[in-house]
């Protein structure tokens, strides 16, 4: 019997790297058996899609079906590990859209906009203008619905995306700062340390 709850907890509260290490440990006993490794990944995929449906009322059936097709194509243990990481990445990305159970449509629209435009300049005034409401009203409503100040939430999203890019280890810190919408390298480093508890360089070192 598989137990995927600890992986879900790591996806929600930790980094992709931490969740990946837990997955690799669980998957390793099945790597030499082609059917067993496929079965494990199938159950993981089903568990994650069901979790989002029950917990957040999110229908991820299309994502689950796409992962199922990928699982069927696995021919080696390396491919199984690689796809396992991809499954975690795909579902972890959904937590950014699900972890704040807001009810107000204006805030739902705000969160969606931030998620899609975090790499651009986003201010409370810009968001208020797009929603055709006052800045003060949006400020009050956003904190009431999410528990975060607007600028704080934008920073959290940017730091979360920066973590992902650092884990992938394909971009320089300068590029990551730009890609995640930080105004400068120093702004990136200061904000990252504030919300992640360490500098980008320290975070990268901890992954090794």
Foldseek 3Di string as FASTA:
>chain_A
DDDCPVLVVCLQPHALLVSLVVVCVVQVVCQVPLVSLLVVQLVVLVVLQVCCCVPQVDHPVVVSVVLNVLSVPDDHSVSSSVSSSVSSVVSSLCCLLGVQNFDDPLLNVVSVCLLVQQLADDDLCVSCVVVVHDSVVCQVVNCVRRVDGPVLVSLVSLLNQLLVVLLVVPDDLQVSCNRRNHPGSVSQQVSNCVPVVHGSVVSSVVSD
